[in-house]
Amino acid sequence: MKTEQLMPFLISPDSTVVEAMQRIDRNARGILFVADEHQKLLGVVTDGDIRRWLIRTGELKAPISGLMNTSPKKICRKEHARAHDYMVQCSITALPVVTAKGVISDILFRDEHVEPRKQPKGLLKEVPVVIMAGGKGTRLYPFTKILPKPLIPIGDIPIMERIIEKFCEFGATDFYATVNYKKNMIRSYFSELSADYTLKYVEEDKPLGTAGSLQLIDDTFTVPFIVTNCDILIHADYEDIYRYHKESGNELTIVTALKNILVPYGVIHSSENGAVQSMEEKPKLSYFVNTGMYILNPELKNEVPKDTFFHMTDLTDKLLAENRRVGMYPISEDSFLDMGEFEEMRRMEEKLNLKSE
């Protein structure tokens, strides 16, 4: 690789966790090699390392040196021929080639056309997935004057169908859709599909919020179940999310995404009596936002009040007030696609490479 080709995969040890997440988003390989100013290899960090760090500490501005693996796998130039076998042996997908002084001269990747991708194990089989599809989608008016939000196409496939397809990739077969606005159109569309999953409808006579309709589901859930909004797509390992929830001891897990907000002005930091302490030009603020995807323990369905407008955020507040375990599963900014507004809908199409469809 030329130096400019290496740069997307290299990061300095004093870079922050936020910066590492952004760079991993851009290189789309899920890995970064930590190097000094001379490109000498110091460590490696993966998206999994970052996720575990955030779950443990929540610190976005910590230096990446605090969580990197300081003993990365590597080979020297003369071992280039055995690189592929070495990656298979070590179960890794990227391998730096270093000089005698430890400087990164190349990065090799396992050939995706030769090495099959890791296939989901079907962990979500028999896991109920509830899709909140009853809203009016007022932010997408006037589209939603004609179509209900779940049927607005992304490319040539309605968003709700794309959501279901994504869950099916991980073995899910049991779906529930809470419906209200233009519910007959939703029923009609999905009744004409030939599908290898079941879709049951939960009809609201009145809007009940993003959690209130859970009380209308007659079936008894015996395993943690998933609730998702009907206007989002999450690009992540759903099996890992579900496994994390079960192993964490959380009663409720919220899938969160990094959100970076650029303040388009110079910010003034002041003290008493209007004294200026410092100036910061166009700072970037970083937060984790609620994506609208949740994993709930089965008993929580019975804690939603009946016939009451009740949001998932209300349920979260209730659990927190009672000092019960609520956790988050963080994903990167680029892994969260929201079609709630026109601009975001266009971004979703671009991300899915659907602009030409």
Protein backbone atom coordinates (compact mmCIF):
# COMPACT_ATOMS: atom_id res chain seq x y z
CA MET A 1 0.00 0.00 0.00
CA LYS A 2 1.06 3.56 -0.62
CA THR A 3 1.15 5.89 2.38
CA GLU A 4 -2.13 7.56 1.42
CA GLN A 5 -3.76 4.12 1.24
CA LEU A 6 -2.50 3.23 4.70
CA MET A 7 -3.74 6.38 6.40
CA PRO A 8 -7.44 5.37 6.76
CA PHE A 9 -6.28 2.41 8.85
CA LEU A 10 -3.80 4.24 11.09
CA ILE A 11 -4.46 6.35 14.15
CA SER A 12 -2.22 8.07 16.68
CA PRO A 13 -2.30 6.87 20.32
CA ASP A 14 -3.53 10.25 21.63
CA SER A 15 -6.56 10.30 19.31
CA THR A 16 -9.89 10.02 21.12
CA VAL A 17 -12.40 7.21 21.09
CA VAL A 18 -14.77 9.43 19.08
CA GLU A 19 -12.11 9.99 16.44
CA ALA A 20 -11.42 6.27 16.26
CA MET A 21 -15.12 5.50 15.75
CA GLN A 22 -15.31 8.02 12.93
CA ARG A 23 -12.24 6.62 11.22
CA ILE A 24 -13.53 3.05 11.51
CA ASP A 25 -16.78 4.23 9.94
CA ARG A 26 -14.85 5.65 7.00
CA ASN A 27 -12.57 2.68 6.37
CA ALA A 28 -15.46 0.19 6.76
CA ARG A 29 -13.09 -2.54 7.99
CA GLY A 30 -13.81 -2.42 11.72
CA ILE A 31 -10.16 -2.03 12.69
CA LEU A 32 -7.41 0.56 13.23
CA PHE A 33 -3.70 0.16 13.83
CA VAL A 34 -2.23 2.55 16.37
CA ALA A 35 1.06 4.06 15.23
CA ASP A 36 3.40 6.89 16.19
CA GLU A 37 4.39 9.80 13.96
CA HIS A 38 6.87 7.54 12.14
CA GLN A 39 4.19 4.88 11.48
CA LYS A 40 5.75 2.50 14.00
CA LEU A 41 3.17 -0.04 15.13
CA LEU A 42 2.10 0.44 18.75
CA GLY A 43 -1.19 -1.44 18.97
CA VAL A 44 -4.49 -2.33 17.40
CA VAL A 45 -8.08 -1.41 18.20
CA THR A 46 -11.28 -2.86 16.75
CA ASP A 47 -14.88 -1.71 16.78
CA GLY A 48 -15.51 -4.46 19.34
CA ASP A 49 -12.79 -3.08 21.61
CA ILE A 50 -14.38 0.35 21.39
CA ARG A 51 -17.85 -1.00 22.12
CA ARG A 52 -16.67 -2.87 25.20
CA TRP A 53 -14.83 0.24 26.39
CA LEU A 54 -17.92 2.41 26.00
CA ILE A 55 -20.15 -0.10 27.77
CA ARG A 56 -17.66 -0.26 30.63
CA THR A 57 -16.78 3.43 30.95
CA GLY A 58 -18.94 5.57 28.66
CA GLU A 59 -15.89 7.78 28.01
CA LEU A 60 -15.87 9.20 24.49
CA LYS A 61 -12.91 11.54 24.84
CA ALA A 62 -10.44 9.06 26.32
CA PRO A 63 -7.22 8.49 24.33
CA ILE A 64 -7.26 5.35 22.24
CA SER A 65 -3.99 4.27 23.86
CA GLY A 66 -5.99 3.35 26.98
CA LEU A 67 -7.92 0.57 25.27
CA MET A 68 -5.71 -0.63 22.42
CA ASN A 69 -4.27 -4.13 22.31
CA THR A 70 -0.54 -3.55 22.72
CA SER A 71 0.39 -6.98 21.32
CA PRO A 72 -1.08 -6.95 17.82
CA LYS A 73 -0.51 -9.78 15.37
CA LYS A 74 1.96 -8.76 12.65
CA ILE A 75 4.37 -10.18 10.09
CA CYS A 76 7.56 -8.97 8.49
CA ARG A 77 8.01 -8.50 4.77
CA LYS A 78 9.74 -11.81 4.14
CA GLU A 79 6.75 -13.67 5.67
CA HIS A 80 4.32 -12.13 3.20
CA ALA A 81 3.59 -15.49 1.53
CA ARG A 82 2.18 -17.03 4.72
CA ALA A 83 0.00 -14.05 5.63
CA HIS A 84 -3.31 -15.59 4.58
CA ASP A 85 -2.76 -18.84 6.48
CA TYR A 86 -1.61 -16.85 9.51
CA MET A 87 -4.80 -14.75 9.48
CA VAL A 88 -6.94 -17.87 9.23
CA GLN A 89 -4.98 -19.50 12.06
CA CYS A 90 -5.39 -16.43 14.30
CA SER A 91 -9.00 -15.74 13.24
CA ILE A 92 -8.20 -12.18 12.20
CA THR A 93 -9.18 -10.28 9.07
CA ALA A 94 -6.38 -7.71 8.85
CA LEU A 95 -2.65 -8.03 9.32
CA PRO A 96 0.03 -5.30 9.29
CA VAL A 97 3.32 -5.88 7.52
CA VAL A 98 6.18 -4.23 9.40
CA THR A 99 9.82 -3.46 8.69
CA ALA A 100 12.72 -4.56 10.90
CA LYS A 101 12.16 -1.36 12.92
CA GLY A 102 8.46 -2.08 13.39
CA VAL A 103 7.22 0.50 10.88
CA ILE A 104 3.99 -0.40 9.08
CA SER A 105 4.68 -0.77 5.38
CA ASP A 106 1.50 -2.56 4.32
CA ILE A 107 -1.81 -3.90 5.61
CA LEU A 108 -3.18 -7.18 4.26
CA PHE A 109 -6.83 -8.23 4.39
CA ARG A 110 -8.34 -11.65 4.04
CA ASP A 111 -9.96 -11.90 0.65
CA GLU A 112 -13.70 -11.66 1.19
CA HIS A 113 -14.30 -13.50 -2.10
CA VAL A 114 -12.26 -16.46 -0.86
CA GLU A 115 -13.00 -16.36 2.83
CA PRO A 116 -16.75 -16.59 3.50
CA ARG A 117 -18.24 -14.03 5.80
CA LYS A 118 -19.20 -15.10 9.28
CA GLN A 119 -22.73 -16.40 9.03
CA PRO A 120 -25.31 -15.65 11.74
CA LYS A 121 -26.11 -18.63 13.94
CA GLY A 122 -29.84 -17.99 14.08
CA LEU A 123 -29.80 -16.81 17.69
CA LEU A 124 -32.96 -14.75 17.10
CA LYS A 125 -35.03 -17.75 16.09
CA GLU A 126 -38.22 -17.68 18.20
CA VAL A 127 -37.31 -14.23 19.56
CA PRO A 128 -40.35 -11.93 19.20
CA VAL A 129 -39.73 -8.71 17.28
CA VAL A 130 -42.27 -5.92 17.77
CA ILE A 131 -42.34 -3.19 15.12
CA MET A 132 -44.02 0.04 16.16
CA ALA A 133 -45.86 0.92 12.95
CA GLY A 134 -48.87 2.90 14.12
CA GLY A 135 -47.62 6.49 13.90
CA LYS A 136 -48.72 9.05 11.33
CA GLY A 137 -45.21 10.03 10.26
CA THR A 138 -45.95 13.74 10.35
CA ARG A 139 -42.31 14.64 9.66
CA LEU A 140 -42.62 12.99 6.25
CA TYR A 141 -45.78 14.82 5.23
CA PRO A 142 -47.06 14.98 2.45
CA PHE A 143 -45.74 11.47 1.62
CA THR A 144 -47.60 10.08 4.61
CA LYS A 145 -50.83 11.70 3.49
CA ILE A 146 -50.88 9.00 0.81
CA LEU A 147 -48.86 6.16 2.32
CA PRO A 148 -48.39 5.05 5.94
CA LYS A 149 -44.79 5.54 7.05
CA PRO A 150 -44.01 1.78 7.15
CA LEU A 151 -44.75 1.55 3.41
CA ILE A 152 -42.64 4.50 2.25
CA PRO A 153 -40.08 2.93 -0.10
CA ILE A 154 -36.36 3.07 0.41
CA GLY A 155 -35.26 2.28 -3.11
CA ASP A 156 -38.04 -0.02 -4.27
CA ILE A 157 -38.69 -1.77 -0.94
CA PRO A 158 -40.80 -0.32 1.90
CA ILE A 159 -38.84 0.53 5.03
CA MET A 160 -40.77 -1.95 7.19
CA GLU A 161 -40.00 -4.78 4.78
CA ARG A 162 -36.32 -3.86 4.90
CA ILE A 163 -36.43 -3.95 8.72
CA ILE A 164 -38.00 -7.41 8.69
CA GLU A 165 -35.47 -8.68 6.13
CA LYS A 166 -32.62 -7.47 8.33
CA PHE A 167 -33.93 -9.36 11.35
CA CYS A 168 -34.54 -12.46 9.22
CA GLU A 169 -30.83 -12.52 8.39
CA PHE A 170 -30.26 -13.38 12.06
CA GLY A 171 -32.93 -16.05 12.25
CA ALA A 172 -35.96 -14.05 13.42
CA THR A 173 -39.31 -15.44 12.26
CA ASP A 174 -41.86 -14.08 14.75
CA PHE A 175 -42.93 -10.49 14.09
CA TYR A 176 -45.62 -8.25 15.54
CA ALA A 177 -46.66 -4.94 14.00
CA THR A 178 -48.58 -2.42 16.07
CA VAL A 179 -50.76 -0.55 13.58
CA ASN A 180 -53.21 2.34 13.58
CA TYR A 181 -52.84 4.94 10.81
CA LYS A 182 -53.76 3.46 7.39
CA LYS A 183 -53.49 0.00 8.90
CA ASN A 184 -55.46 -1.69 6.11
CA MET A 185 -52.88 -0.60 3.55
CA ILE A 186 -50.12 -2.19 5.64
CA ARG A 187 -52.10 -5.42 6.01
CA SER A 188 -52.86 -5.51 2.30
CA TYR A 189 -49.24 -5.05 1.24
CA PHE A 190 -47.78 -7.76 3.47
CA SER A 191 -50.63 -10.21 2.75
CA GLU A 192 -49.45 -10.35 -0.86
CA LEU A 193 -45.86 -11.27 0.01
CA SER A 194 -44.62 -14.83 0.02
CA ALA A 195 -42.70 -14.87 3.30
CA ASP A 196 -41.05 -17.46 5.54
CA TYR A 197 -41.92 -15.54 8.70
CA THR A 198 -45.12 -14.82 10.62
CA LEU A 199 -46.44 -11.28 11.01
CA LYS A 200 -49.18 -10.65 13.55
CA TYR A 201 -50.99 -7.34 13.79
CA VAL A 202 -51.74 -5.49 17.01
CA GLU A 203 -54.39 -2.86 16.33
CA GLU A 204 -54.56 0.37 18.31
CA ASP A 205 -57.95 2.07 18.50
CA LYS A 206 -56.11 5.20 19.56
CA PRO A 207 -52.43 6.23 19.65
CA LEU A 208 -50.69 4.58 22.60
CA GLY A 209 -47.10 5.75 22.14
CA THR A 210 -44.04 3.63 21.47
CA ALA A 211 -44.72 1.22 24.35
CA GLY A 212 -48.42 1.44 25.21
CA SER A 213 -49.47 -1.05 22.54
CA LEU A 214 -47.32 -3.80 24.08
CA GLN A 215 -50.22 -4.45 26.47
CA LEU A 216 -52.40 -5.31 23.48
CA ILE A 217 -50.23 -8.32 22.56
CA ASP A 218 -52.09 -11.39 23.83
CA ASP A 219 -49.20 -13.81 23.40
CA THR A 220 -47.01 -14.49 26.41
CA PHE A 221 -43.31 -13.87 25.88
CA THR A 222 -40.91 -16.22 27.67
CA VAL A 223 -37.62 -14.82 26.33
CA PRO A 224 -36.30 -11.26 25.96
CA PHE A 225 -37.99 -9.58 23.02
CA ILE A 226 -37.06 -6.76 20.68
CA VAL A 227 -38.94 -3.53 20.05
CA THR A 228 -38.02 -1.29 17.13
CA ASN A 229 -39.39 1.81 15.48
CA CYS A 230 -40.55 1.36 11.90
CA ASP A 231 -38.42 4.15 10.43
CA ILE A 232 -34.88 3.05 11.32
CA LEU A 233 -32.30 0.61 10.05
CA ILE A 234 -29.49 -0.58 12.31
CA HIS A 235 -26.36 -1.98 10.66
CA ALA A 236 -24.95 -4.12 13.46
CA ASP A 237 -24.67 -7.70 14.62
CA TYR A 238 -28.16 -8.30 16.05
CA GLU A 239 -27.03 -11.58 17.57
CA ASP A 240 -24.29 -9.77 19.48
CA ILE A 241 -26.79 -7.15 20.70
CA TYR A 242 -29.16 -9.84 21.92
CA ARG A 243 -26.35 -11.88 23.49
CA TYR A 244 -25.04 -8.78 25.29
CA HIS A 245 -28.49 -8.08 26.74
CA LYS A 246 -28.84 -11.59 28.13
CA GLU A 247 -25.32 -11.67 29.59
CA SER A 248 -25.38 -8.16 31.03
CA GLY A 249 -28.21 -8.64 33.51
CA ASN A 250 -30.05 -5.64 32.07
CA GLU A 251 -33.82 -5.62 32.21
CA LEU A 252 -33.84 -3.17 29.31
CA THR A 253 -31.10 -2.51 26.77
CA ILE A 254 -31.22 0.53 24.49
CA VAL A 255 -29.30 0.45 21.22
CA THR A 256 -27.55 3.82 21.05
CA ALA A 257 -25.63 5.53 18.26
CA LEU A 258 -22.89 8.11 18.36
CA LYS A 259 -24.06 11.52 17.19
CA ASN A 260 -21.59 14.29 16.41
CA ILE A 261 -22.89 17.85 16.30
CA LEU A 262 -20.72 20.59 14.86
CA VAL A 263 -21.34 24.03 16.36
CA PRO A 264 -20.87 26.36 13.35
CA TYR A 265 -19.56 29.24 15.45
CA GLY A 266 -16.63 30.11 17.65
CA VAL A 267 -17.65 29.27 21.24
CA ILE A 268 -16.72 31.57 24.12
CA HIS A 269 -15.89 30.11 27.52
CA SER A 270 -16.32 32.71 30.22
CA SER A 271 -16.07 33.12 33.97
CA GLU A 272 -17.53 35.60 36.45
CA ASN A 273 -18.15 39.22 35.45
CA GLY A 274 -18.08 38.37 31.76
CA ALA A 275 -14.36 37.61 31.67
CA VAL A 276 -13.40 35.53 28.64
CA GLN A 277 -11.33 32.51 29.61
CA SER A 278 -10.87 30.93 26.19
CA MET A 279 -12.29 30.59 22.69
CA GLU A 280 -13.01 27.38 20.84
CA GLU A 281 -13.53 27.52 17.09
CA LYS A 282 -16.44 25.39 15.80
CA PRO A 283 -16.31 22.67 18.47
CA LYS A 284 -17.74 19.24 17.86
CA LEU A 285 -20.05 17.84 20.51
CA SER A 286 -20.47 14.07 20.79
CA TYR A 287 -23.39 12.24 22.38
CA PHE A 288 -25.03 8.85 22.32
CA VAL A 289 -28.60 9.04 21.03
CA ASN A 290 -31.49 6.63 21.33
CA THR A 291 -31.93 4.79 18.01
CA GLY A 292 -35.39 3.47 18.77
CA MET A 293 -34.36 -0.19 19.08
CA TYR A 294 -34.68 -1.95 22.45
CA ILE A 295 -34.34 -5.40 24.02
CA LEU A 296 -36.70 -6.04 26.94
CA ASN A 297 -36.99 -8.84 29.44
CA PRO A 298 -40.36 -10.57 28.97
CA GLU A 299 -41.84 -9.48 32.32
CA LEU A 300 -41.55 -5.81 31.32
CA LYS A 301 -44.49 -6.22 28.95
CA ASN A 302 -46.74 -6.52 31.99
CA GLU A 303 -45.37 -3.30 33.51
CA VAL A 304 -46.73 -1.17 30.69
CA PRO A 305 -50.02 0.42 31.85
CA LYS A 306 -53.15 -0.65 30.00
CA ASP A 307 -55.02 1.67 27.68
CA THR A 308 -52.52 4.47 28.39
CA PHE A 309 -50.33 6.60 26.12
CA PHE A 310 -46.90 5.38 27.17
CA HIS A 311 -43.53 5.71 25.48
CA MET A 312 -40.47 3.48 25.77
CA THR A 313 -38.77 6.47 27.39
CA ASP A 314 -41.49 6.43 30.09
CA LEU A 315 -40.71 2.77 30.76
CA THR A 316 -37.01 3.61 30.92
CA ASP A 317 -37.63 6.42 33.41
CA LYS A 318 -39.72 4.07 35.55
CA LEU A 319 -36.96 1.47 35.70
CA LEU A 320 -34.29 4.06 36.47
CA ALA A 321 -36.42 5.56 39.26
CA GLU A 322 -36.64 2.07 40.78
CA ASN A 323 -32.84 1.57 40.47
CA ARG A 324 -33.29 -1.30 38.04
CA ARG A 325 -30.75 -2.21 35.38
CA VAL A 326 -30.97 -0.29 32.12
CA GLY A 327 -28.00 -0.56 29.78
CA MET A 328 -26.94 0.56 26.34
CA TYR A 329 -25.36 -1.13 23.35
CA PRO A 330 -23.37 1.50 21.43
CA ILE A 331 -22.98 1.54 17.65
CA SER A 332 -21.25 4.04 15.39
CA GLU A 333 -22.91 7.06 13.82
CA ASP A 334 -22.77 5.50 10.37
CA SER A 335 -24.47 2.30 11.55
CA PHE A 336 -27.71 4.12 12.40
CA LEU A 337 -30.00 5.09 9.53
CA ASP A 338 -33.15 7.07 10.24
CA MET A 339 -35.76 7.94 7.63
CA GLY A 340 -37.83 10.14 9.94
CA GLU A 341 -37.04 13.25 7.86
CA PHE A 342 -36.48 13.84 4.16
CA GLU A 343 -32.77 14.59 4.45
CA GLU A 344 -32.18 11.48 6.53
CA MET A 345 -34.24 9.42 4.08
CA ARG A 346 -31.92 10.50 1.26
CA ARG A 347 -28.91 9.62 3.42
CA MET A 348 -30.39 6.16 3.99
CA GLU A 349 -30.75 5.61 0.25
CA GLU A 350 -27.17 6.73 -0.33
CA LYS A 351 -25.86 4.47 2.42
CA LEU A 352 -27.69 1.50 0.93
CA ASN A 353 -26.44 2.41 -2.57
CA LEU A 354 -29.99 2.84 -3.84
CA LYS A 355 -29.70 6.18 -5.62
CA SER A 356 -29.75 4.52 -9.03
CA GLU A 357 -32.76 2.30 -8.30
